[in-house]
């Protein structure tokens, strides 16, 4: 994974996590430093650990029509909260709502970014990260 991809993952994670801290009750960062560290840790977890978990739980994800991916994302948020002091998640329900919000923002980003930049990066993302081809 190159540095620009890692930065993009971190930036998208930071934006989603920021909205989750503002909107979802039960998810909060005590200060900007805790938020920045949590975004960094969650970005690294999403870049390296989450793909392995998605692969291992693919049958459950397929059977649930992709909804199990939200459970994995919620667990990644809870793992981040257990690692980063000053970042708290008050239970699985809050983590699940945060994961849902971050997924919705990710979908909006995948739609809006090519429209804003004029580039066709949706297929680039899928080819690089999901090993799928158009």
Protein backbone atom coordinates (compact mmCIF):
# COMPACT_ATOMS: atom_id res chain seq x y z
CA UNK A 1 0.00 0.00 0.00
CA UNK A 2 1.53 3.29 -1.05
CA UNK A 3 1.61 6.47 1.02
CA UNK A 4 -1.01 8.35 -1.01
CA UNK A 5 -3.51 5.49 -0.61
CA UNK A 6 -2.80 5.32 3.12
CA UNK A 7 -3.32 9.09 3.37
CA UNK A 8 -6.62 8.87 1.47
CA UNK A 9 -7.81 6.08 3.80
CA UNK A 10 -6.83 8.16 6.82
CA UNK A 11 -8.52 11.31 5.51
CA UNK A 12 -11.76 9.50 4.71
CA UNK A 13 -11.65 7.81 8.12
CA UNK A 14 -11.00 11.13 9.89
CA UNK A 15 -13.93 12.83 8.16
CA UNK A 16 -16.27 9.93 8.92
CA UNK A 17 -15.07 9.67 12.50
CA UNK A 18 -15.51 13.42 12.96
CA UNK A 19 -19.12 13.22 11.86
CA UNK A 20 -19.64 10.18 14.09
CA UNK A 21 -18.28 12.08 17.11
CA UNK A 22 -20.60 15.00 16.36
CA UNK A 23 -23.77 13.04 15.56
CA UNK A 24 -23.73 9.64 17.28
CA UNK A 25 -24.49 9.64 21.00
CA UNK A 26 -21.92 7.54 22.83
CA UNK A 27 -18.95 8.27 20.56
CA UNK A 28 -16.70 11.09 21.68
CA UNK A 29 -13.15 12.31 21.65
CA UNK A 30 -12.04 14.30 24.68
CA UNK A 31 -9.85 16.63 22.63
CA UNK A 32 -8.42 17.20 19.17
CA UNK A 33 -5.31 15.16 19.93
CA UNK A 34 -7.36 12.12 20.96
CA UNK A 35 -9.46 12.54 17.81
CA UNK A 36 -6.40 12.76 15.54
CA UNK A 37 -4.81 9.70 17.15
CA UNK A 38 -8.11 7.78 16.95
CA UNK A 39 -8.48 8.66 13.27
CA UNK A 40 -4.91 7.55 12.62
CA UNK A 41 -5.33 4.27 14.52
CA UNK A 42 -8.70 3.55 12.89
CA UNK A 43 -7.23 4.32 9.47
CA UNK A 44 -4.41 1.84 10.10
CA UNK A 45 -6.83 -0.77 11.42
CA UNK A 46 -9.07 -0.26 8.38
CA UNK A 47 -6.09 -0.51 6.04
CA UNK A 48 -4.49 -3.63 7.51
CA UNK A 49 -6.78 -5.60 9.87
CA UNK A 50 -10.26 -5.05 8.41
CA UNK A 51 -9.49 -6.60 4.99
CA UNK A 52 -8.36 -9.80 6.70
CA UNK A 53 -11.53 -9.92 8.81
CA UNK A 54 -13.68 -9.23 5.74
CA UNK A 55 -12.02 -12.14 3.93
CA UNK A 56 -12.47 -14.49 6.90
CA UNK A 57 -16.12 -13.54 7.38
CA UNK A 58 -17.05 -13.37 3.71
CA UNK A 59 -19.66 -16.17 3.96
CA UNK A 60 -21.49 -14.29 6.74
CA UNK A 61 -21.27 -11.07 4.77
CA UNK A 62 -22.71 -12.72 1.66
CA UNK A 63 -25.54 -14.41 3.58
CA UNK A 64 -26.43 -11.12 5.31
CA UNK A 65 -26.28 -9.19 2.00
CA UNK A 66 -23.33 -7.14 3.27
CA UNK A 67 -24.81 -6.14 6.61
CA UNK A 68 -22.21 -8.13 8.53
CA UNK A 69 -19.62 -5.69 7.18
CA UNK A 70 -21.20 -3.07 9.46
CA UNK A 71 -20.62 -5.39 12.42
CA UNK A 72 -16.94 -5.67 11.45
CA UNK A 73 -16.69 -1.89 11.11
CA UNK A 74 -18.33 -1.43 14.52
CA UNK A 75 -15.83 -3.85 16.04
CA UNK A 76 -12.99 -1.85 14.45
CA UNK A 77 -14.34 1.33 16.06
CA UNK A 78 -14.56 -0.44 19.42
CA UNK A 79 -11.00 -1.75 19.00
CA UNK A 80 -9.84 1.80 18.32
CA UNK A 81 -11.59 3.01 21.49
CA UNK A 82 -9.82 0.33 23.53
CA UNK A 83 -6.43 1.41 22.16
CA UNK A 84 -6.68 5.22 22.17
CA UNK A 85 -6.98 7.04 25.49
CA UNK A 86 -9.44 9.92 25.31
CA UNK A 87 -11.56 8.30 22.60
CA UNK A 88 -14.61 6.50 23.93
CA UNK A 89 -17.43 4.43 22.55
CA UNK A 90 -20.23 3.57 24.96
CA UNK A 91 -21.22 0.15 23.73
CA UNK A 92 -21.79 -1.79 20.56
CA UNK A 93 -24.94 0.15 19.63
CA UNK A 94 -23.03 3.43 19.42
CA UNK A 95 -20.23 1.75 17.49
CA UNK A 96 -22.76 0.24 15.07
CA UNK A 97 -24.43 3.62 14.48
CA UNK A 98 -21.00 5.15 13.94
CA UNK A 99 -20.11 2.40 11.46
CA UNK A 100 -23.40 2.95 9.64
CA UNK A 101 -22.81 6.70 9.43
CA UNK A 102 -19.24 6.21 8.23
CA UNK A 103 -20.44 3.73 5.58
CA UNK A 104 -23.06 6.19 4.33
CA UNK A 105 -20.46 8.95 4.15
CA UNK A 106 -18.15 6.57 2.27
CA UNK A 107 -20.85 5.86 -0.29
CA UNK A 108 -21.52 9.58 -0.69
CA UNK A 109 -17.77 10.11 -1.12
CA UNK A 110 -17.49 7.43 -3.79
CA UNK A 111 -20.29 9.12 -5.71
CA UNK A 112 -19.32 12.76 -5.11
CA UNK A 113 -15.55 12.67 -5.51
CA UNK A 114 -15.54 11.71 -9.20
CA UNK A 115 -18.20 14.34 -9.85
CA UNK A 116 -16.11 17.00 -8.10
CA UNK A 117 -12.75 16.04 -9.60
CA UNK A 118 -13.90 14.85 -13.00
CA UNK A 119 -11.84 11.70 -12.54
CA UNK A 120 -13.09 8.14 -12.67
CA UNK A 121 -11.59 6.99 -9.40
CA UNK A 122 -14.37 4.59 -8.42
CA UNK A 123 -12.96 1.81 -10.59
CA UNK A 124 -9.42 2.70 -9.55
CA UNK A 125 -10.40 2.22 -5.91
CA UNK A 126 -12.11 -1.10 -6.59
CA UNK A 127 -9.23 -2.39 -8.71
CA UNK A 128 -6.65 -1.46 -6.11
CA UNK A 129 -8.48 -2.54 -2.96
CA UNK A 130 -11.13 -5.05 -3.89
CA UNK A 131 -9.37 -6.84 -6.77
CA UNK A 132 -12.45 -6.27 -8.94
CA UNK A 133 -12.40 -5.13 -12.54
CA UNK A 134 -15.09 -3.31 -14.54
